[in-house]
Every structure is written in C-alpha cells, then in structure tokens.
Amino acid sequence: MVEPIALDRLAGALGLGPHELVSLVGGGGKTTALFALGRQLAGTVVLTTTTKMGSDVTDGHTPRFDPTDAELADLLAADRSALVWRADGGYKAHGFEPGSCDRWFDLADHVVVEADGSRQRPVTAPGPFEPVVPSRTTTLVACVGASALGRVIADQCHRPLRVAALAACSPYQRLTPERLAKVVLSERGLRKGQPPAARFAVLVNNVGGADLSFLDEFAGVVGGAAPIVAIASH
C-alpha cells in the first residue's frame, strides 16, 4: 500500500542523497516537483530544463539567462539555489543542452532538471527526441498525474497514440493501472534515456481519496520494479 505524503516531504521520500542530478520526465507535476526539491535539498541547487518550461512560474526565483560557469558559481554562493534558463521564449523558457547540466554537477551539490514536455497533461509518452536526460543523472523520476487513472487515454494523455501503443490498447480505452505500468516501466516509455547507473523512481501527483484504489493496484503491478512516491492533493 502506498500512502500519499505532503509535497514538503518529497526529497526524503525519494531517498535523495547529498549529491544528486535529478531528471524529471513524464507528465503532470514536473515543475512543482522541481521547485519543491529546490527548497528541500540541502546545499547548493541548480534548477533548469533541457527542453522548455513555463516562464510564468518561478517560485520566487529571479531567472538567470545563459550564465557562465563563473557567474553560476557566484549565484550559488550568494543565494544557495539558482533558476537558470538559456533564453526567454515568452510563455516558454528555453533550456540547455544536457552537457551543461552534467558540467554544473561539478559546481553544485544538486542539479534538478525538467527533462521532458507534456503540455500540462497528466501522462505522456516520449517523442522521438525526448526526453533529454543528462548523462550524469543519478535519479530519474517518472511523473504521472493521478487524474489520468481510469480515464480515457485520448482525453487525458499527451501523445495518446504513443501512450496507447506502449499500453498495448486503443487510445479510446481507459488507462488502467496495468496499462499505466507498461508505459512507466518501458524503455521506450518513461525509462527512455535512463543512464545505466541512475536510480529510477515513480512520482504520482495529486492523489485524492478517490484515487487510492487505483494507486494501490498500480503499485501492485509495478511491484519491486521501482519505488513509488505519491503526493496527496491539496
């Protein structure tokens, strides 16, 4: 049985250590998780993306654009955490090549990366060039939103045809816990791009009381293949 926890316990629940490069992939909740980890992880933290992320949510940070390594080191020394983007694309901020994140892992205690896009849908499957996971990633976190469980794939998922193909069903069928587990655990699904040495964990976001039976069934299907952390809805 998976017991949903409060968001402020996320870093501990994921079992993160003193030096982590965390890549967040999958669907809903990546940005919320990124900023939560930025608050909870001890030491210096770089927050960024290797794809694009919404520029309207910064969690109180002043974004810094395309800093040099020396400038980033100064930012971390002054304020412990830094939100960095490569460019301002208006509604979407543009991120960095994964090699930059790998390099920054030598400058900071932690680097947390939003490494996938989902157009704010709770579940997605990666496209041909996604996710964009840095090679030094220590923990790959697959994010899914509980609101998609038991719902029709075509209505709830980003790239529903890809999701359905991984789940071995029609996009007009419902996303059962068993089908979601296939998407999450597949190396063509949310494990795509996982570095060989990286840990893998599943983050189920926005879990309400009505989702608990689905969550328990999902955990039963996943079994020991990956730890599952569930965040309770507010």
C-alpha atoms as a PDB file:
ATOM      1  CA  MET A   1       0.000   0.000   0.000  1.00  0.00           C
ATOM      2  CA  VAL A   2       1.305   3.448  -0.963  1.00  0.00           C
ATOM      3  CA  GLU A   3       0.471   6.210   1.500  1.00  0.00           C
ATOM      4  CA  PRO A   4       0.277   9.677  -0.108  1.00  0.00           C
ATOM      5  CA  ILE A   5       2.528  12.265   1.513  1.00  0.00           C
ATOM      6  CA  ALA A   6       2.702  16.047   1.612  1.00  0.00           C
ATOM      7  CA  LEU A   7       4.797  17.756  -1.058  1.00  0.00           C
ATOM      8  CA  ASP A   8       7.236  19.090   1.538  1.00  0.00           C
ATOM      9  CA  ARG A   9       8.433  15.531   2.210  1.00  0.00           C
ATOM     10  CA  LEU A  10       9.338  14.795  -1.413  1.00  0.00           C
ATOM     11  CA  ALA A  11      13.144  14.826  -1.223  1.00  0.00           C
ATOM     12  CA  GLY A  12      13.200  12.472   1.734  1.00  0.00           C
ATOM     13  CA  ALA A  13      10.636  10.133   0.209  1.00  0.00           C
ATOM     14  CA  LEU A  14      12.733   9.845  -2.951  1.00  0.00           C
ATOM     15  CA  GLY A  15      15.733   8.917  -0.816  1.00  0.00           C
ATOM     16  CA  LEU A  16      17.928  11.602  -2.332  1.00  0.00           C
ATOM     17  CA  GLY A  17      21.490  11.845  -1.105  1.00  0.00           C
ATOM     18  CA  PRO A  18      23.975  14.711  -0.636  1.00  0.00           C
ATOM     19  CA  HIS A  19      24.949  14.947  -4.324  1.00  0.00           C
ATOM     20  CA  GLU A  20      22.227  14.316  -6.906  1.00  0.00           C
ATOM     21  CA  LEU A  21      21.439  15.148 -10.508  1.00  0.00           C
ATOM     22  CA  VAL A  22      17.678  14.586 -10.689  1.00  0.00           C
ATOM     23  CA  SER A  23      15.940  14.433 -14.061  1.00  0.00           C
ATOM     24  CA  LEU A  24      12.158  14.745 -14.064  1.00  0.00           C
ATOM     25  CA  VAL A  25      10.352  13.148 -17.001  1.00  0.00           C
ATOM     26  CA  GLY A  26       6.804  12.232 -17.896  1.00  0.00           C
ATOM     27  CA  GLY A  27       3.579  14.092 -17.268  1.00  0.00           C
ATOM     28  CA  GLY A  28       1.956  16.367 -14.749  1.00  0.00           C
ATOM     29  CA  GLY A  29       3.768  17.770 -11.748  1.00  0.00           C
ATOM     30  CA  LYS A  30       7.353  18.105 -13.022  1.00  0.00           C
ATOM     31  CA  THR A  31       7.637  21.853 -12.419  1.00  0.00           C
ATOM     32  CA  THR A  32       6.042  21.607  -8.973  1.00  0.00           C
ATOM     33  CA  ALA A  33       8.450  18.800  -8.074  1.00  0.00           C
ATOM     34  CA  LEU A  34      11.436  20.750  -9.399  1.00  0.00           C
ATOM     35  CA  PHE A  35      10.760  23.754  -7.166  1.00  0.00           C
ATOM     36  CA  ALA A  36       9.894  21.554  -4.184  1.00  0.00           C
ATOM     37  CA  LEU A  37      13.258  19.818  -4.479  1.00  0.00           C
ATOM     38  CA  GLY A  38      14.957  23.188  -4.821  1.00  0.00           C
ATOM     39  CA  ARG A  39      13.541  24.135  -1.417  1.00  0.00           C
ATOM     40  CA  GLN A  40      14.171  20.811   0.290  1.00  0.00           C
ATOM     41  CA  LEU A  41      17.606  19.677  -0.861  1.00  0.00           C
ATOM     42  CA  ALA A  42      20.482  20.700   1.379  1.00  0.00           C
ATOM     43  CA  GLY A  43      23.367  22.660  -0.104  1.00  0.00           C
ATOM     44  CA  THR A  44      23.513  24.430  -3.452  1.00  0.00           C
ATOM     45  CA  VAL A  45      20.939  23.612  -6.131  1.00  0.00           C
ATOM     46  CA  VAL A  46      20.716  24.468  -9.835  1.00  0.00           C
ATOM     47  CA  LEU A  47      17.175  24.368 -11.241  1.00  0.00           C
ATOM     48  CA  THR A  48      16.837  24.202 -15.017  1.00  0.00           C
ATOM     49  CA  THR A  49      15.428  22.408 -18.053  1.00  0.00           C
ATOM     50  CA  THR A  50      16.815  20.621 -21.083  1.00  0.00           C
ATOM     51  CA  THR A  51      13.626  21.252 -23.070  1.00  0.00           C
ATOM     52  CA  LYS A  52      11.185  24.082 -22.366  1.00  0.00           C
ATOM     53  CA  MET A  53       9.236  25.033 -19.285  1.00  0.00           C
ATOM     54  CA  GLY A  54       6.640  27.642 -18.444  1.00  0.00           C
ATOM     55  CA  SER A  55       8.236  31.001 -17.722  1.00  0.00           C
ATOM     56  CA  ASP A  56       5.317  32.253 -15.633  1.00  0.00           C
ATOM     57  CA  VAL A  57       6.090  30.108 -12.538  1.00  0.00           C
ATOM     58  CA  THR A  58       9.415  30.792 -10.834  1.00  0.00           C
ATOM     59  CA  ASP A  59       8.704  30.006  -7.139  1.00  0.00           C
ATOM     60  CA  GLY A  60      10.131  33.390  -6.131  1.00  0.00           C
ATOM     61  CA  HIS A  61      13.374  32.983  -8.079  1.00  0.00           C
ATOM     62  CA  THR A  62      14.706  35.615 -10.436  1.00  0.00           C
ATOM     63  CA  PRO A  63      15.608  33.584 -13.535  1.00  0.00           C
ATOM     64  CA  ARG A  64      19.141  33.961 -14.831  1.00  0.00           C
ATOM     65  CA  PHE A  65      19.748  33.570 -18.528  1.00  0.00           C
ATOM     66  CA  ASP A  66      22.725  31.726 -20.004  1.00  0.00           C
ATOM     67  CA  PRO A  67      25.182  32.334 -17.154  1.00  0.00           C
ATOM     68  CA  THR A  68      28.837  31.430 -17.470  1.00  0.00           C
ATOM     69  CA  ASP A  69      30.101  28.817 -15.041  1.00  0.00           C
ATOM     70  CA  ALA A  70      31.775  31.563 -13.009  1.00  0.00           C
ATOM     71  CA  GLU A  71      28.543  33.574 -12.874  1.00  0.00           C
ATOM     72  CA  LEU A  72      26.594  30.496 -11.822  1.00  0.00           C
ATOM     73  CA  ALA A  73      29.082  29.756  -9.046  1.00  0.00           C
ATOM     74  CA  ASP A  74      28.652  33.323  -7.785  1.00  0.00           C
ATOM     75  CA  LEU A  75      24.853  32.972  -7.870  1.00  0.00           C
ATOM     76  CA  LEU A  76      25.000  29.801  -5.821  1.00  0.00           C
ATOM     77  CA  ALA A  77      27.376  31.338  -3.318  1.00  0.00           C
ATOM     78  CA  ALA A  78      25.059  34.294  -2.850  1.00  0.00           C
ATOM     79  CA  ASP A  79      21.671  32.570  -2.785  1.00  0.00           C
ATOM     80  CA  ARG A  80      22.182  28.762  -2.484  1.00  0.00           C
ATOM     81  CA  SER A  81      19.797  27.974  -5.362  1.00  0.00           C
ATOM     82  CA  ALA A  82      19.585  29.339  -8.890  1.00  0.00           C
ATOM     83  CA  LEU A  83      16.939  29.042 -11.606  1.00  0.00           C
ATOM     84  CA  VAL A  84      18.738  29.207 -14.950  1.00  0.00           C
ATOM     85  CA  TRP A  85      17.416  29.202 -18.488  1.00  0.00           C
ATOM     86  CA  ARG A  86      19.174  29.559 -21.815  1.00  0.00           C
ATOM     87  CA  ALA A  87      16.737  32.040 -23.328  1.00  0.00           C
ATOM     88  CA  ASP A  88      13.392  33.739 -22.787  1.00  0.00           C
ATOM     89  CA  GLY A  89      10.917  32.383 -25.294  1.00  0.00           C
ATOM     90  CA  GLY A  90       7.987  34.370 -23.952  1.00  0.00           C
ATOM     91  CA  TYR A  91       5.470  31.990 -22.450  1.00  0.00           C
ATOM     92  CA  LYS A  92       8.070  29.201 -22.541  1.00  0.00           C
ATOM     93  CA  ALA A  93      11.645  29.458 -21.327  1.00  0.00           C
ATOM     94  CA  HIS A  94      14.229  27.569 -23.363  1.00  0.00           C
ATOM     95  CA  GLY A  95      16.655  25.225 -21.648  1.00  0.00           C
ATOM     96  CA  PHE A  96      20.182  23.970 -22.068  1.00  0.00           C
ATOM     97  CA  GLU A  97      21.937  21.071 -23.719  1.00  0.00           C
ATOM     98  CA  PRO A  98      22.276  18.148 -21.295  1.00  0.00           C
ATOM     99  CA  GLY A  99      26.066  18.563 -21.316  1.00  0.00           C
ATOM    100  CA  SER A 100      25.674  21.884 -19.487  1.00  0.00           C
ATOM    101  CA  CYS A 101      23.750  20.154 -16.694  1.00  0.00           C
ATOM    102  CA  ASP A 102      26.428  17.472 -16.476  1.00  0.00           C
ATOM    103  CA  ARG A 103      29.100  20.159 -16.146  1.00  0.00           C
ATOM    104  CA  TRP A 104      27.172  22.082 -13.483  1.00  0.00           C
ATOM    105  CA  PHE A 105      27.050  18.921 -11.393  1.00  0.00           C
ATOM    106  CA  ASP A 106      30.673  19.727 -10.537  1.00  0.00           C
ATOM    107  CA  LEU A 107      29.684  23.257  -9.419  1.00  0.00           C
ATOM    108  CA  ALA A 108      26.655  22.490  -7.247  1.00  0.00           C
ATOM    109  CA  ASP A 109      25.595  19.931  -4.682  1.00  0.00           C
ATOM    110  CA  HIS A 110      22.492  19.224  -6.734  1.00  0.00           C
ATOM    111  CA  VAL A 111      21.131  19.835 -10.223  1.00  0.00           C
ATOM    112  CA  VAL A 112      17.392  19.348 -10.804  1.00  0.00           C
ATOM    113  CA  VAL A 113      16.274  19.203 -14.432  1.00  0.00           C
ATOM    114  CA  GLU A 114      12.894  19.236 -16.118  1.00  0.00           C
ATOM    115  CA  ALA A 115      13.844  16.914 -18.965  1.00  0.00           C
ATOM    116  CA  ASP A 116      10.549  16.293 -20.754  1.00  0.00           C
ATOM    117  CA  GLY A 117       7.436  18.043 -22.010  1.00  0.00           C
ATOM    118  CA  SER A 118       3.806  17.046 -21.581  1.00  0.00           C
ATOM    119  CA  ARG A 119       1.754  20.159 -22.392  1.00  0.00           C
ATOM    120  CA  GLN A 120       0.405  20.024 -18.839  1.00  0.00           C
ATOM    121  CA  ARG A 121      -1.236  16.635 -19.369  1.00  0.00           C
ATOM    122  CA  PRO A 122      -1.022  14.122 -16.503  1.00  0.00           C
ATOM    123  CA  VAL A 123       0.517  11.325 -18.583  1.00  0.00           C
ATOM    124  CA  THR A 124       2.698  11.340 -21.674  1.00  0.00           C
ATOM    125  CA  ALA A 125       4.922   9.078 -23.730  1.00  0.00           C
ATOM    126  CA  PRO A 126       8.213  10.398 -25.094  1.00  0.00           C
ATOM    127  CA  GLY A 127       8.561  11.604 -28.659  1.00  0.00           C
ATOM    128  CA  PRO A 128      11.482  10.645 -30.922  1.00  0.00           C
ATOM    129  CA  PHE A 129      13.816  13.245 -29.418  1.00  0.00           C
ATOM    130  CA  GLU A 130      12.559  13.160 -25.831  1.00  0.00           C
ATOM    131  CA  PRO A 131      13.262  13.003 -23.021  1.00  0.00           C
ATOM    132  CA  VAL A 132      16.544  14.941 -22.933  1.00  0.00           C
ATOM    133  CA  VAL A 133      18.279  13.336 -19.955  1.00  0.00           C
ATOM    134  CA  PRO A 134      21.776  14.420 -18.843  1.00  0.00           C
ATOM    135  CA  SER A 135      24.232  11.535 -18.873  1.00  0.00           C
ATOM    136  CA  ARG A 136      25.282  12.092 -15.235  1.00  0.00           C
ATOM    137  CA  THR A 137      21.731  11.789 -13.929  1.00  0.00           C
ATOM    138  CA  THR A 138      21.748   9.948 -10.610  1.00  0.00           C
ATOM    139  CA  THR A 139      17.962   9.699 -10.159  1.00  0.00           C
ATOM    140  CA  LEU A 140      15.397   9.593 -12.963  1.00  0.00           C
ATOM    141  CA  VAL A 141      11.895  10.409 -11.712  1.00  0.00           C
ATOM    142  CA  ALA A 142       8.913   9.473 -13.880  1.00  0.00           C
ATOM    143  CA  CYS A 143       5.999  11.785 -13.104  1.00  0.00           C
ATOM    144  CA  VAL A 144       2.353  10.855 -13.663  1.00  0.00           C
ATOM    145  CA  GLY A 145      -0.831  12.604 -12.599  1.00  0.00           C
ATOM    146  CA  ALA A 146      -3.396  10.547 -10.718  1.00  0.00           C
ATOM    147  CA  SER A 147      -6.207  12.265 -12.624  1.00  0.00           C
ATOM    148  CA  ALA A 148      -5.459  10.108 -15.686  1.00  0.00           C
ATOM    149  CA  LEU A 149      -6.010   6.800 -13.902  1.00  0.00           C
ATOM    150  CA  GLY A 150      -9.192   5.122 -15.044  1.00  0.00           C
ATOM    151  CA  ARG A 151      -9.811   7.789 -17.689  1.00  0.00           C
ATOM    152  CA  VAL A 152      -9.840   7.502 -21.484  1.00  0.00           C
ATOM    153  CA  ILE A 153      -6.301   7.798 -22.849  1.00  0.00           C
ATOM    154  CA  ALA A 154      -7.262  10.078 -25.747  1.00  0.00           C
ATOM    155  CA  ASP A 155      -8.921  12.512 -23.348  1.00  0.00           C
ATOM    156  CA  GLN A 156      -6.179  12.714 -20.716  1.00  0.00           C
ATOM    157  CA  CYS A 157      -2.783  11.959 -22.228  1.00  0.00           C
ATOM    158  CA  HIS A 158      -0.231  13.867 -24.245  1.00  0.00           C
ATOM    159  CA  ARG A 159       0.712  11.884 -27.357  1.00  0.00           C
ATOM    160  CA  PRO A 160      -2.191   9.453 -26.789  1.00  0.00           C
ATOM    161  CA  LEU A 161      -1.265   7.221 -29.729  1.00  0.00           C
ATOM    162  CA  ARG A 162       2.197   6.631 -28.272  1.00  0.00           C
ATOM    163  CA  VAL A 163       0.753   6.052 -24.813  1.00  0.00           C
ATOM    164  CA  ALA A 164      -1.734   3.537 -26.212  1.00  0.00           C
ATOM    165  CA  ALA A 165       0.963   1.732 -28.203  1.00  0.00           C
ATOM    166  CA  LEU A 166       3.066   1.274 -25.069  1.00  0.00           C
ATOM    167  CA  ALA A 167      -0.006   0.218 -23.097  1.00  0.00           C
ATOM    168  CA  ALA A 168      -0.977  -2.285 -25.829  1.00  0.00           C
ATOM    169  CA  CYS A 169      -4.513  -0.953 -26.210  1.00  0.00           C
ATOM    170  CA  SER A 170      -6.621   1.539 -28.132  1.00  0.00           C
ATOM    171  CA  PRO A 171      -6.323   5.253 -27.312  1.00  0.00           C
ATOM    172  CA  TYR A 172     -10.073   5.157 -26.742  1.00  0.00           C
ATOM    173  CA  GLN A 173      -9.749   2.711 -23.880  1.00  0.00           C
ATOM    174  CA  ARG A 174      -9.179   3.636 -20.262  1.00  0.00           C
ATOM    175  CA  LEU A 175      -5.772   3.965 -18.659  1.00  0.00           C
ATOM    176  CA  THR A 176      -5.919   1.133 -16.162  1.00  0.00           C
ATOM    177  CA  PRO A 177      -3.171   0.718 -13.558  1.00  0.00           C
ATOM    178  CA  GLU A 178      -1.773  -2.211 -15.546  1.00  0.00           C
ATOM    179  CA  ARG A 179      -1.614  -0.151 -18.736  1.00  0.00           C
ATOM    180  CA  LEU A 180      -0.012   2.785 -16.936  1.00  0.00           C
ATOM    181  CA  ALA A 181       2.629   0.447 -15.508  1.00  0.00           C
ATOM    182  CA  LYS A 182       3.551  -0.637 -19.039  1.00  0.00           C
ATOM    183  CA  VAL A 183       4.029   2.996 -20.072  1.00  0.00           C
ATOM    184  CA  VAL A 184       6.051   3.867 -16.991  1.00  0.00           C
ATOM    185  CA  LEU A 185       8.346   0.838 -16.982  1.00  0.00           C
ATOM    186  CA  SER A 186       9.026   0.509 -20.705  1.00  0.00           C
ATOM    187  CA  GLU A 187      12.447   1.515 -22.013  1.00  0.00           C
ATOM    188  CA  ARG A 188      10.516   3.143 -24.861  1.00  0.00           C
ATOM    189  CA  GLY A 189       8.291   4.834 -22.277  1.00  0.00           C
ATOM    190  CA  LEU A 190       9.255   6.752 -19.168  1.00  0.00           C
ATOM    191  CA  ARG A 191      12.504   4.835 -18.674  1.00  0.00           C
ATOM    192  CA  LYS A 192      13.721   6.013 -22.061  1.00  0.00           C
ATOM    193  CA  GLY A 193      17.127   7.651 -21.785  1.00  0.00           C
ATOM    194  CA  GLN A 194      17.809   6.345 -18.283  1.00  0.00           C
ATOM    195  CA  PRO A 195      21.587   6.301 -17.724  1.00  0.00           C
ATOM    196  CA  PRO A 196      22.809   2.844 -16.667  1.00  0.00           C
ATOM    197  CA  ALA A 197      23.886   3.983 -13.200  1.00  0.00           C
ATOM    198  CA  ALA A 198      20.796   6.092 -12.454  1.00  0.00           C
ATOM    199  CA  ARG A 199      18.147   5.115  -9.929  1.00  0.00           C
ATOM    200  CA  PHE A 200      14.558   5.118 -11.181  1.00  0.00           C
ATOM    201  CA  ALA A 201      11.509   6.203  -9.203  1.00  0.00           C
ATOM    202  CA  VAL A 202       7.859   6.951  -9.966  1.00  0.00           C
ATOM    203  CA  LEU A 203       6.118  10.065  -8.678  1.00  0.00           C
ATOM    204  CA  VAL A 204       2.307  10.009  -8.701  1.00  0.00           C
ATOM    205  CA  ASN A 205       0.992  13.530  -8.242  1.00  0.00           C
ATOM    206  CA  ASN A 206      -2.251  14.995  -6.940  1.00  0.00           C
ATOM    207  CA  VAL A 207      -3.625  11.840  -5.353  1.00  0.00           C
ATOM    208  CA  GLY A 208      -7.086  12.254  -3.851  1.00  0.00           C
ATOM    209  CA  GLY A 209      -9.199   9.844  -1.840  1.00  0.00           C
ATOM    210  CA  ALA A 210     -10.952   8.512  -4.922  1.00  0.00           C
ATOM    211  CA  ASP A 211      -7.585   7.594  -6.474  1.00  0.00           C
ATOM    212  CA  LEU A 212      -6.348   5.358  -3.659  1.00  0.00           C
ATOM    213  CA  SER A 213      -7.692   2.067  -5.003  1.00  0.00           C
ATOM    214  CA  PHE A 214      -6.187   2.800  -8.434  1.00  0.00           C
ATOM    215  CA  LEU A 215      -2.898   3.749  -6.767  1.00  0.00           C
ATOM    216  CA  ASP A 216      -2.731   0.520  -4.775  1.00  0.00           C
ATOM    217  CA  GLU A 217      -3.478  -1.534  -7.875  1.00  0.00           C
ATOM    218  CA  PHE A 218      -0.782   0.363  -9.817  1.00  0.00           C
ATOM    219  CA  ALA A 219       1.737  -0.250  -7.029  1.00  0.00           C
ATOM    220  CA  GLY A 220       0.846  -3.936  -7.059  1.00  0.00           C
ATOM    221  CA  VAL A 221       1.529  -4.193 -10.788  1.00  0.00           C
ATOM    222  CA  VAL A 222       4.806  -2.265 -10.566  1.00  0.00           C
ATOM    223  CA  GLY A 223       5.894  -4.385  -7.617  1.00  0.00           C
ATOM    224  CA  GLY A 224       9.614  -4.129  -6.942  1.00  0.00           C
ATOM    225  CA  ALA A 225      10.456  -2.664 -10.368  1.00  0.00           C
ATOM    226  CA  ALA A 226      10.529   0.878  -8.996  1.00  0.00           C
ATOM    227  CA  PRO A 227       9.799   2.745  -5.764  1.00  0.00           C
ATOM    228  CA  ILE A 228       6.596   4.808  -5.904  1.00  0.00           C
ATOM    229  CA  VAL A 229       6.091   8.137  -4.159  1.00  0.00           C
ATOM    230  CA  ALA A 230       2.584   9.601  -4.112  1.00  0.00           C
ATOM    231  CA  ILE A 231       1.826  13.257  -3.388  1.00  0.00           C
ATOM    232  CA  ALA A 232      -1.523  13.992  -1.783  1.00  0.00           C
ATOM    233  CA  SER A 233      -3.773  16.554  -3.462  1.00  0.00           C
ATOM    234  CA  HIS A 234      -4.085  19.864  -1.656  1.00  0.00           C
END
